[in-house]
Amino acid sequence: LDDIKRQFELNAPLETKTLMHQTTEDLVQSGIMEKVLKIGDAVPAF
């Protein structure tokens, strides 16, 4: 996965990388990371 990310960073157009990084930051700032299941968490019935 780290290798795939490195290759993306080297080869993707700047506009694509900028959009991806901004979207990732927007998700982090939204607070969603506090709501996601973590390793070892029980999944609610669905």
ModelCIF file with pLDDT and N, C-alpha, C, O atoms, coordinates in Angstrom:
data_MODEL
#
_entry.id   MODEL 
#
_entity.id                         1 
_entity.type                       polymer 
_entity.pdbx_number_of_molecules   1 
#
_entity_poly.entity_id                      1 
_entity_poly.type                           'polypeptide(L)' 
_entity_poly.nstd_linkage                   no 
_entity_poly.nstd_monomer                   no 
_entity_poly.pdbx_seq_one_letter_code       LDDIKRQFELNAPLETKTLMHQTTEDLVQSGIMEKVLKIGDAVPAF 
_entity_poly.pdbx_seq_one_letter_code_can   LDDIKRQFELNAPLETKTLMHQTTEDLVQSGIMEKVLKIGDAVPAF 
_entity_poly.pdbx_strand_id                 A 
#
loop_
_entity_poly_seq.entity_id 
_entity_poly_seq.num 
_entity_poly_seq.mon_id 
_entity_poly_seq.hetero 
1 1  LEU n 
1 2  ASP n 
1 3  ASP n 
1 4  ILE n 
1 5  LYS n 
1 6  ARG n 
1 7  GLN n 
1 8  PHE n 
1 9  GLU n 
1 10 LEU n 
1 11 ASN n 
1 12 ALA n 
1 13 PRO n 
1 14 LEU n 
1 15 GLU n 
1 16 THR n 
1 17 LYS n 
1 18 THR n 
1 19 LEU n 
1 20 MET n 
1 21 HIS n 
1 22 GLN n 
1 23 THR n 
1 24 THR n 
1 25 GLU n 
1 26 ASP n 
1 27 LEU n 
1 28 VAL n 
1 29 GLN n 
1 30 SER n 
1 31 GLY n 
1 32 ILE n 
1 33 MET n 
1 34 GLU n 
1 35 LYS n 
1 36 VAL n 
1 37 LEU n 
1 38 LYS n 
1 39 ILE n 
1 40 GLY n 
1 41 ASP n 
1 42 ALA n 
1 43 VAL n 
1 44 PRO n 
1 45 ALA n 
1 46 PHE n 
#
_struct_asym.id          A 
_struct_asym.entity_id   1 
#
loop_
_ma_qa_metric.id 
_ma_qa_metric.mode 
_ma_qa_metric.name 
_ma_qa_metric.software_group_id 
_ma_qa_metric.type 
1 global pLDDT . pLDDT 
2 local  pLDDT . pLDDT 
#
_ma_qa_metric_global.metric_id      1 
_ma_qa_metric_global.metric_value   92.61 
_ma_qa_metric_global.model_id       1 
_ma_qa_metric_global.ordinal_id     1 
#
loop_
_ma_qa_metric_local.label_asym_id 
_ma_qa_metric_local.label_comp_id 
_ma_qa_metric_local.label_seq_id 
_ma_qa_metric_local.metric_id 
_ma_qa_metric_local.metric_value 
_ma_qa_metric_local.model_id 
_ma_qa_metric_local.ordinal_id 
A LEU 1  2 92.00 1 1  
A ASP 2  2 94.00 1 2  
A ASP 3  2 95.00 1 3  
A ILE 4  2 94.00 1 4  
A LYS 5  2 93.00 1 5  
A ARG 6  2 95.00 1 6  
A GLN 7  2 96.00 1 7  
A PHE 8  2 94.00 1 8  
A GLU 9  2 94.00 1 9  
A LEU 10 2 96.00 1 10 
A ASN 11 2 96.00 1 11 
A ALA 12 2 96.00 1 12 
A PRO 13 2 97.00 1 13 
A LEU 14 2 96.00 1 14 
A GLU 15 2 96.00 1 15 
A THR 16 2 95.00 1 16 
A LYS 17 2 95.00 1 17 
A THR 18 2 96.00 1 18 
A LEU 19 2 95.00 1 19 
A MET 20 2 92.00 1 20 
A HIS 21 2 94.00 1 21 
A GLN 22 2 95.00 1 22 
A THR 23 2 93.00 1 23 
A THR 24 2 91.00 1 24 
A GLU 25 2 94.00 1 25 
A ASP 26 2 95.00 1 26 
A LEU 27 2 91.00 1 27 
A VAL 28 2 91.00 1 28 
A GLN 29 2 95.00 1 29 
A SER 30 2 95.00 1 30 
A GLY 31 2 94.00 1 31 
A ILE 32 2 91.00 1 32 
A MET 33 2 88.00 1 33 
A GLU 34 2 90.00 1 34 
A LYS 35 2 89.00 1 35 
A VAL 36 2 89.00 1 36 
A LEU 37 2 88.00 1 37 
A LYS 38 2 88.00 1 38 
A ILE 39 2 85.00 1 39 
A GLY 40 2 87.00 1 40 
A ASP 41 2 89.00 1 41 
A ALA 42 2 86.00 1 42 
A VAL 43 2 87.00 1 43 
A PRO 44 2 90.00 1 44 
A ALA 45 2 94.00 1 45 
A PHE 46 2 94.00 1 46 
#
loop_
_atom_site.group_PDB 
_atom_site.id 
_atom_site.type_symbol 
_atom_site.label_atom_id 
_atom_site.label_alt_id 
_atom_site.label_comp_id 
_atom_site.label_asym_id 
_atom_site.label_entity_id 
_atom_site.label_seq_id 
_atom_site.pdbx_PDB_ins_code 
_atom_site.Cartn_x 
_atom_site.Cartn_y 
_atom_site.Cartn_z 
_atom_site.occupancy 
_atom_site.B_iso_or_equiv 
_atom_site.pdbx_formal_charge 
_atom_site.auth_seq_id 
_atom_site.auth_comp_id 
_atom_site.auth_asym_id 
_atom_site.auth_atom_id 
_atom_site.pdbx_PDB_model_num 
ATOM 1   N N  . LEU A 1 1  ? 0.825   -1.209 0.000   1.00 92.00 ? 1  LEU A N  1 
ATOM 2   C CA . LEU A 1 1  ? 0.000   0.000  0.000   1.00 92.00 ? 1  LEU A CA 1 
ATOM 3   C C  . LEU A 1 1  ? 0.859   1.259  0.000   1.00 92.00 ? 1  LEU A C  1 
ATOM 4   O O  . LEU A 1 1  ? 0.553   2.225  -0.699  1.00 92.00 ? 1  LEU A O  1 
ATOM 5   N N  . ASP A 1 2  ? 1.931   1.246  0.783   1.00 94.00 ? 2  ASP A N  1 
ATOM 6   C CA . ASP A 1 2  ? 2.857   2.386  0.816   1.00 94.00 ? 2  ASP A CA 1 
ATOM 7   C C  . ASP A 1 2  ? 3.486   2.604  -0.554  1.00 94.00 ? 2  ASP A C  1 
ATOM 8   O O  . ASP A 1 2  ? 3.666   3.744  -0.983  1.00 94.00 ? 2  ASP A O  1 
ATOM 9   N N  . ASP A 1 3  ? 3.818   1.520  -1.237  1.00 95.00 ? 3  ASP A N  1 
ATOM 10  C CA . ASP A 1 3  ? 4.413   1.621  -2.569  1.00 95.00 ? 3  ASP A CA 1 
ATOM 11  C C  . ASP A 1 3  ? 3.412   2.203  -3.571  1.00 95.00 ? 3  ASP A C  1 
ATOM 12  O O  . ASP A 1 3  ? 3.773   3.046  -4.392  1.00 95.00 ? 3  ASP A O  1 
ATOM 13  N N  . ILE A 1 4  ? 2.177   1.762  -3.505  1.00 94.00 ? 4  ILE A N  1 
ATOM 14  C CA . ILE A 1 4  ? 1.138   2.291  -4.390  1.00 94.00 ? 4  ILE A CA 1 
ATOM 15  C C  . ILE A 1 4  ? 0.963   3.790  -4.151  1.00 94.00 ? 4  ILE A C  1 
ATOM 16  O O  . ILE A 1 4  ? 0.827   4.561  -5.101  1.00 94.00 ? 4  ILE A O  1 
ATOM 17  N N  . LYS A 1 5  ? 0.966   4.199  -2.889  1.00 93.00 ? 5  LYS A N  1 
ATOM 18  C CA . LYS A 1 5  ? 0.825   5.617  -2.562  1.00 93.00 ? 5  LYS A CA 1 
ATOM 19  C C  . LYS A 1 5  ? 2.017   6.420  -3.104  1.00 93.00 ? 5  LYS A C  1 
ATOM 20  O O  . LYS A 1 5  ? 1.832   7.503  -3.660  1.00 93.00 ? 5  LYS A O  1 
ATOM 21  N N  . ARG A 1 6  ? 3.229   5.894  -2.943  1.00 95.00 ? 6  ARG A N  1 
ATOM 22  C CA . ARG A 1 6  ? 4.419   6.578  -3.472  1.00 95.00 ? 6  ARG A CA 1 
ATOM 23  C C  . ARG A 1 6  ? 4.329   6.748  -4.987  1.00 95.00 ? 6  ARG A C  1 
ATOM 24  O O  . ARG A 1 6  ? 4.632   7.817  -5.518  1.00 95.00 ? 6  ARG A O  1 
ATOM 25  N N  . GLN A 1 7  ? 3.916   5.695  -5.673  1.00 96.00 ? 7  GLN A N  1 
ATOM 26  C CA . GLN A 1 7  ? 3.795   5.762  -7.132  1.00 96.00 ? 7  GLN A CA 1 
ATOM 27  C C  . GLN A 1 7  ? 2.735   6.777  -7.556  1.00 96.00 ? 7  GLN A C  1 
ATOM 28  O O  . GLN A 1 7  ? 2.916   7.502  -8.535  1.00 96.00 ? 7  GLN A O  1 
ATOM 29  N N  . PHE A 1 8  ? 1.641   6.824  -6.823  1.00 94.00 ? 8  PHE A N  1 
ATOM 30  C CA . PHE A 1 8  ? 0.597   7.809  -7.113  1.00 94.00 ? 8  PHE A CA 1 
ATOM 31  C C  . PHE A 1 8  ? 1.152   9.219  -6.956  1.00 94.00 ? 8  PHE A C  1 
ATOM 32  O O  . PHE A 1 8  ? 0.966   10.070 -7.826  1.00 94.00 ? 8  PHE A O  1 
ATOM 33  N N  . GLU A 1 9  ? 1.833   9.458  -5.840  1.00 94.00 ? 9  GLU A N  1 
ATOM 34  C CA . GLU A 1 9  ? 2.387   10.785 -5.579  1.00 94.00 ? 9  GLU A CA 1 
ATOM 35  C C  . GLU A 1 9  ? 3.403   11.197 -6.644  1.00 94.00 ? 9  GLU A C  1 
ATOM 36  O O  . GLU A 1 9  ? 3.509   12.378 -6.976  1.00 94.00 ? 9  GLU A O  1 
ATOM 37  N N  . LEU A 1 10 ? 4.141   10.241 -7.174  1.00 96.00 ? 10 LEU A N  1 
ATOM 38  C CA . LEU A 1 10 ? 5.129   10.542 -8.209  1.00 96.00 ? 10 LEU A CA 1 
ATOM 39  C C  . LEU A 1 10 ? 4.495   10.794 -9.577  1.00 96.00 ? 10 LEU A C  1 
ATOM 40  O O  . LEU A 1 10 ? 4.988   11.624 -10.341 1.00 96.00 ? 10 LEU A O  1 
ATOM 41  N N  . ASN A 1 11 ? 3.414   10.091 -9.891  1.00 96.00 ? 11 ASN A N  1 
ATOM 42  C CA . ASN A 1 11 ? 2.911   10.069 -11.261 1.00 96.00 ? 11 ASN A CA 1 
ATOM 43  C C  . ASN A 1 11 ? 1.585   10.777 -11.512 1.00 96.00 ? 11 ASN A C  1 
ATOM 44  O O  . ASN A 1 11 ? 1.293   11.119 -12.658 1.00 96.00 ? 11 ASN A O  1 
ATOM 45  N N  . ALA A 1 12 ? 0.779   11.007 -10.489 1.00 96.00 ? 12 ALA A N  1 
ATOM 46  C CA . ALA A 1 12 ? -0.532  11.616 -10.700 1.00 96.00 ? 12 ALA A CA 1 
ATOM 47  C C  . ALA A 1 12 ? -0.380  13.099 -11.039 1.00 96.00 ? 12 ALA A C  1 
ATOM 48  O O  . ALA A 1 12 ? 0.548   13.750 -10.560 1.00 96.00 ? 12 ALA A O  1 
ATOM 49  N N  . PRO A 1 13 ? -1.274  13.628 -11.852 1.00 97.00 ? 13 PRO A N  1 
ATOM 50  C CA . PRO A 1 13 ? -1.249  15.063 -12.142 1.00 97.00 ? 13 PRO A CA 1 
ATOM 51  C C  . PRO A 1 13 ? -1.439  15.875 -10.848 1.00 97.00 ? 13 PRO A C  1 
ATOM 52  O O  . PRO A 1 13 ? -2.140  15.443 -9.934  1.00 97.00 ? 13 PRO A O  1 
ATOM 53  N N  . LEU A 1 14 ? -0.811  17.044 -10.787 1.00 96.00 ? 14 LEU A N  1 
ATOM 54  C CA . LEU A 1 14 ? -0.882  17.892 -9.596  1.00 96.00 ? 14 LEU A CA 1 
ATOM 55  C C  . LEU A 1 14 ? -2.329  18.195 -9.206  1.00 96.00 ? 14 LEU A C  1 
ATOM 56  O O  . LEU A 1 14 ? -2.665  18.167 -8.022  1.00 96.00 ? 14 LEU A O  1 
ATOM 57  N N  . GLU A 1 15 ? -3.186  18.483 -10.184 1.00 96.00 ? 15 GLU A N  1 
ATOM 58  C CA . GLU A 1 15 ? -4.584  18.789 -9.897  1.00 96.00 ? 15 GLU A CA 1 
ATOM 59  C C  . GLU A 1 15 ? -5.269  17.616 -9.194  1.00 96.00 ? 15 GLU A C  1 
ATOM 60  O O  . GLU A 1 15 ? -6.042  17.820 -8.258  1.00 96.00 ? 15 GLU A O  1 
ATOM 61  N N  . THR A 1 16 ? -4.993  16.416 -9.632  1.00 95.00 ? 16 THR A N  1 
ATOM 62  C CA . THR A 1 16 ? -5.585  15.217 -9.029  1.00 95.00 ? 16 THR A CA 1 
ATOM 63  C C  . THR A 1 16 ? -5.089  15.033 -7.600  1.00 95.00 ? 16 THR A C  1 
ATOM 64  O O  . THR A 1 16 ? -5.877  14.761 -6.695  1.00 95.00 ? 16 THR A O  1 
ATOM 65  N N  . LYS A 1 17 ? -3.782  15.180 -7.401  1.00 95.00 ? 17 LYS A N  1 
ATOM 66  C CA . LYS A 1 17 ? -3.223  15.034 -6.051  1.00 95.00 ? 17 LYS A CA 1 
ATOM 67  C C  . LYS A 1 17 ? -3.769  16.107 -5.113  1.00 95.00 ? 17 LYS A C  1 
ATOM 68  O O  . LYS A 1 17 ? -4.102  15.815 -3.964  1.00 95.00 ? 17 LYS A O  1 
ATOM 69  N N  . THR A 1 18 ? -3.861  17.334 -5.591  1.00 96.00 ? 18 THR A N  1 
ATOM 70  C CA . THR A 1 18 ? -4.375  18.430 -4.763  1.00 96.00 ? 18 THR A CA 1 
ATOM 71  C C  . THR A 1 18 ? -5.805  18.150 -4.339  1.00 96.00 ? 18 THR A C  1 
ATOM 72  O O  . THR A 1 18 ? -6.151  18.318 -3.170  1.00 96.00 ? 18 THR A O  1 
ATOM 73  N N  . LEU A 1 19 ? -6.642  17.721 -5.286  1.00 95.00 ? 19 LEU A N  1 
ATOM 74  C CA . LEU A 1 19 ? -8.039  17.405 -4.972  1.00 95.00 ? 19 LEU A CA 1 
ATOM 75  C C  . LEU A 1 19 ? -8.132  16.257 -3.976  1.00 95.00 ? 19 LEU A C  1 
ATOM 76  O O  . LEU A 1 19 ? -8.926  16.312 -3.037  1.00 95.00 ? 19 LEU A O  1 
ATOM 77  N N  . MET A 1 20 ? -7.330  15.223 -4.175  1.00 92.00 ? 20 MET A N  1 
ATOM 78  C CA . MET A 1 20 ? -7.365  14.079 -3.271  1.00 92.00 ? 20 MET A CA 1 
ATOM 79  C C  . MET A 1 20 ? -6.949  14.475 -1.859  1.00 92.00 ? 20 MET A C  1 
ATOM 80  O O  . MET A 1 20 ? -7.607  14.097 -0.890  1.00 92.00 ? 20 MET A O  1 
ATOM 81  N N  . HIS A 1 21 ? -5.862  15.233 -1.735  1.00 94.00 ? 21 HIS A N  1 
ATOM 82  C CA . HIS A 1 21 ? -5.401  15.649 -0.413  1.00 94.00 ? 21 HIS A CA 1 
ATOM 83  C C  . HIS A 1 21 ? -6.414  16.561 0.270   1.00 94.00 ? 21 HIS A C  1 
ATOM 84  O O  . HIS A 1 21 ? -6.633  16.445 1.476   1.00 94.00 ? 21 HIS A O  1 
ATOM 85  N N  . GLN A 1 22 ? -7.036  17.471 -0.487  1.00 95.00 ? 22 GLN A N  1 
ATOM 86  C CA . GLN A 1 22 ? -8.035  18.368 0.099   1.00 95.00 ? 22 GLN A CA 1 
ATOM 87  C C  . GLN A 1 22 ? -9.265  17.596 0.550   1.00 95.00 ? 22 GLN A C  1 
ATOM 88  O O  . GLN A 1 22 ? -9.818  17.867 1.616   1.00 95.00 ? 22 GLN A O  1 
ATOM 89  N N  . THR A 1 23 ? -9.689  16.642 -0.255  1.00 93.00 ? 23 THR A N  1 
ATOM 90  C CA . THR A 1 23 ? -10.847 15.828 0.117   1.00 93.00 ? 23 THR A CA 1 
ATOM 91  C C  . THR A 1 23 ? -10.563 15.011 1.365   1.00 93.00 ? 23 THR A C  1 
ATOM 92  O O  . THR A 1 23 ? -11.423 14.893 2.239   1.00 93.00 ? 23 THR A O  1 
ATOM 93  N N  . THR A 1 24 ? -9.375  14.449 1.456   1.00 91.00 ? 24 THR A N  1 
ATOM 94  C CA . THR A 1 24 ? -8.985  13.697 2.653   1.00 91.00 ? 24 THR A CA 1 
ATOM 95  C C  . THR A 1 24 ? -8.991  14.602 3.873   1.00 91.00 ? 24 THR A C  1 
ATOM 96  O O  . THR A 1 24 ? -9.507  14.220 4.923   1.00 91.00 ? 24 THR A O  1 
ATOM 97  N N  . GLU A 1 25 ? -8.432  15.781 3.749   1.00 94.00 ? 25 GLU A N  1 
ATOM 98  C CA . GLU A 1 25 ? -8.411  16.735 4.874   1.00 94.00 ? 25 GLU A CA 1 
ATOM 99  C C  . GLU A 1 25 ? -9.823  17.157 5.262   1.00 94.00 ? 25 GLU A C  1 
ATOM 100 O O  . GLU A 1 25 ? -10.120 17.302 6.448   1.00 94.00 ? 25 GLU A O  1 
ATOM 101 N N  . ASP A 1 26 ? -10.693 17.354 4.282   1.00 95.00 ? 26 ASP A N  1 
ATOM 102 C CA . ASP A 1 26 ? -12.082 17.704 4.573   1.00 95.00 ? 26 ASP A CA 1 
ATOM 103 C C  . ASP A 1 26 ? -12.758 16.597 5.388   1.00 95.00 ? 26 ASP A C  1 
ATOM 104 O O  . ASP A 1 26 ? -13.499 16.880 6.329   1.00 95.00 ? 26 ASP A O  1 
ATOM 105 N N  . LEU A 1 27 ? -12.503 15.345 5.026   1.00 91.00 ? 27 LEU A N  1 
ATOM 106 C CA . LEU A 1 27 ? -13.079 14.230 5.776   1.00 91.00 ? 27 LEU A CA 1 
ATOM 107 C C  . LEU A 1 27 ? -12.562 14.200 7.208   1.00 91.00 ? 27 LEU A C  1 
ATOM 108 O O  . LEU A 1 27 ? -13.338 14.005 8.144   1.00 91.00 ? 27 LEU A O  1 
ATOM 109 N N  . VAL A 1 28 ? -11.264 14.390 7.384   1.00 91.00 ? 28 VAL A N  1 
ATOM 110 C CA . VAL A 1 28 ? -10.684 14.397 8.731   1.00 91.00 ? 28 VAL A CA 1 
ATOM 111 C C  . VAL A 1 28 ? -11.299 15.523 9.552   1.00 91.00 ? 28 VAL A C  1 
ATOM 112 O O  . VAL A 1 28 ? -11.670 15.314 10.707  1.00 91.00 ? 28 VAL A O  1 
ATOM 113 N N  . GLN A 1 29 ? -11.411 16.714 8.967   1.00 95.00 ? 29 GLN A N  1 
ATOM 114 C CA . GLN A 1 29 ? -11.957 17.865 9.673   1.00 95.00 ? 29 GLN A CA 1 
ATOM 115 C C  . GLN A 1 29 ? -13.445 17.706 9.988   1.00 95.00 ? 29 GLN A C  1 
ATOM 116 O O  . GLN A 1 29 ? -13.953 18.362 10.897  1.00 95.00 ? 29 GLN A O  1 
ATOM 117 N N  . SER A 1 30 ? -14.139 16.856 9.259   1.00 95.00 ? 30 SER A N  1 
ATOM 118 C CA . SER A 1 30 ? -15.570 16.649 9.492   1.00 95.00 ? 30 SER A CA 1 
ATOM 119 C C  . SER A 1 30 ? -15.844 15.919 10.800  1.00 95.00 ? 30 SER A C  1 
ATOM 120 O O  . SER A 1 30 ? -16.971 15.932 11.293  1.00 95.00 ? 30 SER A O  1 
ATOM 121 N N  . GLY A 1 31 ? -14.810 15.277 11.370  1.00 94.00 ? 31 GLY A N  1 
ATOM 122 C CA . GLY A 1 31 ? -14.996 14.516 12.600  1.00 94.00 ? 31 GLY A CA 1 
ATOM 123 C C  . GLY A 1 31 ? -15.373 13.068 12.366  1.00 94.00 ? 31 GLY A C  1 
ATOM 124 O O  . GLY A 1 31 ? -15.629 12.334 13.321  1.00 94.00 ? 31 GLY A O  1 
ATOM 125 N N  . ILE A 1 32 ? -15.411 12.648 11.123  1.00 91.00 ? 32 ILE A N  1 
ATOM 126 C CA . ILE A 1 32 ? -15.836 11.282 10.805  1.00 91.00 ? 32 ILE A CA 1 
ATOM 127 C C  . ILE A 1 32 ? -14.927 10.224 11.424  1.00 91.00 ? 32 ILE A C  1 
ATOM 128 O O  . ILE A 1 32 ? -15.374 9.117  11.725  1.00 91.00 ? 32 ILE A O  1 
ATOM 129 N N  . MET A 1 33 ? -13.659 10.559 11.613  1.00 88.00 ? 33 MET A N  1 
ATOM 130 C CA . MET A 1 33 ? -12.719 9.565  12.141  1.00 88.00 ? 33 MET A CA 1 
ATOM 131 C C  . MET A 1 33 ? -13.058 9.138  13.563  1.00 88.00 ? 33 MET A C  1 
ATOM 132 O O  . MET A 1 33 ? -12.689 8.042  13.986  1.00 88.00 ? 33 MET A O  1 
ATOM 133 N N  . GLU A 1 34 ? -13.757 9.996  14.305  1.00 90.00 ? 34 GLU A N  1 
ATOM 134 C CA . GLU A 1 34 ? -14.175 9.616  15.660  1.00 90.00 ? 34 GLU A CA 1 
ATOM 135 C C  . GLU A 1 34 ? -15.346 8.636  15.635  1.00 90.00 ? 34 GLU A C  1 
ATOM 136 O O  . GLU A 1 34 ? -15.654 8.006  16.646  1.00 90.00 ? 34 GLU A O  1 
ATOM 137 N N  . LYS A 1 35 ? -15.992 8.510  14.485  1.00 89.00 ? 35 LYS A N  1 
ATOM 138 C CA . LYS A 1 35 ? -17.191 7.671  14.375  1.00 89.00 ? 35 LYS A CA 1 
ATOM 139 C C  . LYS A 1 35 ? -16.930 6.309  13.736  1.00 89.00 ? 35 LYS A C  1 
ATOM 140 O O  . LYS A 1 35 ? -17.753 5.401  13.855  1.00 89.00 ? 35 LYS A O  1 
ATOM 141 N N  . VAL A 1 36 ? -15.791 6.162  13.061  1.00 89.00 ? 36 VAL A N  1 
ATOM 142 C CA . VAL A 1 36 ? -15.537 4.906  12.351  1.00 89.00 ? 36 VAL A CA 1 
ATOM 143 C C  . VAL A 1 36 ? -15.146 3.801  13.328  1.00 89.00 ? 36 VAL A C  1 
ATOM 144 O O  . VAL A 1 36 ? -14.607 4.059  14.403  1.00 89.00 ? 36 VAL A O  1 
ATOM 145 N N  . LEU A 1 37 ? -15.432 2.570  12.926  1.00 88.00 ? 37 LEU A N  1 
ATOM 146 C CA . LEU A 1 37 ? -15.045 1.424  13.744  1.00 88.00 ? 37 LEU A CA 1 
ATOM 147 C C  . LEU A 1 37 ? -13.534 1.268  13.726  1.00 88.00 ? 37 LEU A C  1 
ATOM 148 O O  . LEU A 1 37 ? -12.888 1.479  12.699  1.00 88.00 ? 37 LEU A O  1 
ATOM 149 N N  . LYS A 1 38 ? -12.988 0.904  14.852  1.00 88.00 ? 38 LYS A N  1 
ATOM 150 C CA . LYS A 1 38 ? -11.551 0.666  14.980  1.00 88.00 ? 38 LYS A CA 1 
ATOM 151 C C  . LYS A 1 38 ? -11.311 -0.846 15.067  1.00 88.00 ? 38 LYS A C  1 
ATOM 152 O O  . LYS A 1 38 ? -12.243 -1.616 15.300  1.00 88.00 ? 38 LYS A O  1 
ATOM 153 N N  . ILE A 1 39 ? -10.076 -1.256 14.880  1.00 85.00 ? 39 ILE A N  1 
ATOM 154 C CA . ILE A 1 39 ? -9.724  -2.661 15.005  1.00 85.00 ? 39 ILE A CA 1 
ATOM 155 C C  . ILE A 1 39 ? -10.153 -3.161 16.373  1.00 85.00 ? 39 ILE A C  1 
ATOM 156 O O  . ILE A 1 39 ? -9.830  -2.549 17.391  1.00 85.00 ? 39 ILE A O  1 
ATOM 157 N N  . GLY A 1 40 ? -10.872 -4.261 16.402  1.00 87.00 ? 40 GLY A N  1 
ATOM 158 C CA . GLY A 1 40 ? -11.325 -4.851 17.652  1.00 87.00 ? 40 GLY A CA 1 
ATOM 159 C C  . GLY A 1 40 ? -12.714 -4.411 18.075  1.00 87.00 ? 40 GLY A C  1 
ATOM 160 O O  . GLY A 1 40 ? -13.296 -5.014 18.976  1.00 87.00 ? 40 GLY A O  1 
ATOM 161 N N  . ASP A 1 41 ? -13.268 -3.369 17.446  1.00 89.00 ? 41 ASP A N  1 
ATOM 162 C CA . ASP A 1 41 ? -14.620 -2.919 17.777  1.00 89.00 ? 41 ASP A CA 1 
ATOM 163 C C  . ASP A 1 41 ? -15.647 -3.951 17.314  1.00 89.00 ? 41 ASP A C  1 
ATOM 164 O O  . ASP A 1 41 ? -15.454 -4.639 16.311  1.00 89.00 ? 41 ASP A O  1 
ATOM 165 N N  . ALA A 1 42 ? -16.732 -4.041 18.064  1.00 86.00 ? 42 ALA A N  1 
ATOM 166 C CA . ALA A 1 42 ? -17.844 -4.904 17.656  1.00 86.00 ? 42 ALA A CA 1 
ATOM 167 C C  . ALA A 1 42 ? -18.680 -4.159 16.621  1.00 86.00 ? 42 ALA A C  1 
ATOM 168 O O  . ALA A 1 42 ? -18.956 -2.969 16.773  1.00 86.00 ? 42 ALA A O  1 
ATOM 169 N N  . VAL A 1 43 ? -19.076 -4.863 15.577  1.00 87.00 ? 43 VAL A N  1 
ATOM 170 C CA . VAL A 1 43 ? -19.918 -4.278 14.541  1.00 87.00 ? 43 VAL A CA 1 
ATOM 171 C C  . VAL A 1 43 ? -21.368 -4.414 14.980  1.00 87.00 ? 43 VAL A C  1 
ATOM 172 O O  . VAL A 1 43 ? -21.786 -5.493 15.400  1.00 87.00 ? 43 VAL A O  1 
ATOM 173 N N  . PRO A 1 44 ? -22.140 -3.339 14.891  1.00 90.00 ? 44 PRO A N  1 
ATOM 174 C CA . PRO A 1 44 ? -23.559 -3.459 15.244  1.00 90.00 ? 44 PRO A CA 1 
ATOM 175 C C  . PRO A 1 44 ? -24.284 -4.377 14.256  1.00 90.00 ? 44 PRO A C  1 
ATOM 176 O O  . PRO A 1 44 ? -23.869 -4.508 13.105  1.00 90.00 ? 44 PRO A O  1 
ATOM 177 N N  . ALA A 1 45 ? -25.355 -5.001 14.708  1.00 94.00 ? 45 ALA A N  1 
ATOM 178 C CA . ALA A 1 45 ? -26.149 -5.868 13.835  1.00 94.00 ? 45 ALA A CA 1 
ATOM 179 C C  . ALA A 1 45 ? -26.671 -5.045 12.655  1.00 94.00 ? 45 ALA A C  1 
ATOM 180 O O  . ALA A 1 45 ? -26.971 -3.859 12.789  1.00 94.00 ? 45 ALA A O  1 
ATOM 181 N N  . PHE A 1 46 ? -26.773 -5.703 11.497  1.00 94.00 ? 46 PHE A N  1 
ATOM 182 C CA . PHE A 1 46 ? -27.246 -5.008 10.305  1.00 94.00 ? 46 PHE A CA 1 
ATOM 183 C C  . PHE A 1 46 ? -27.992 -5.973 9.400   1.00 94.00 ? 46 PHE A C  1 
ATOM 184 O O  . PHE A 1 46 ? -28.472 -5.578 8.338   1.00 94.00 ? 46 PHE A O  1 
#
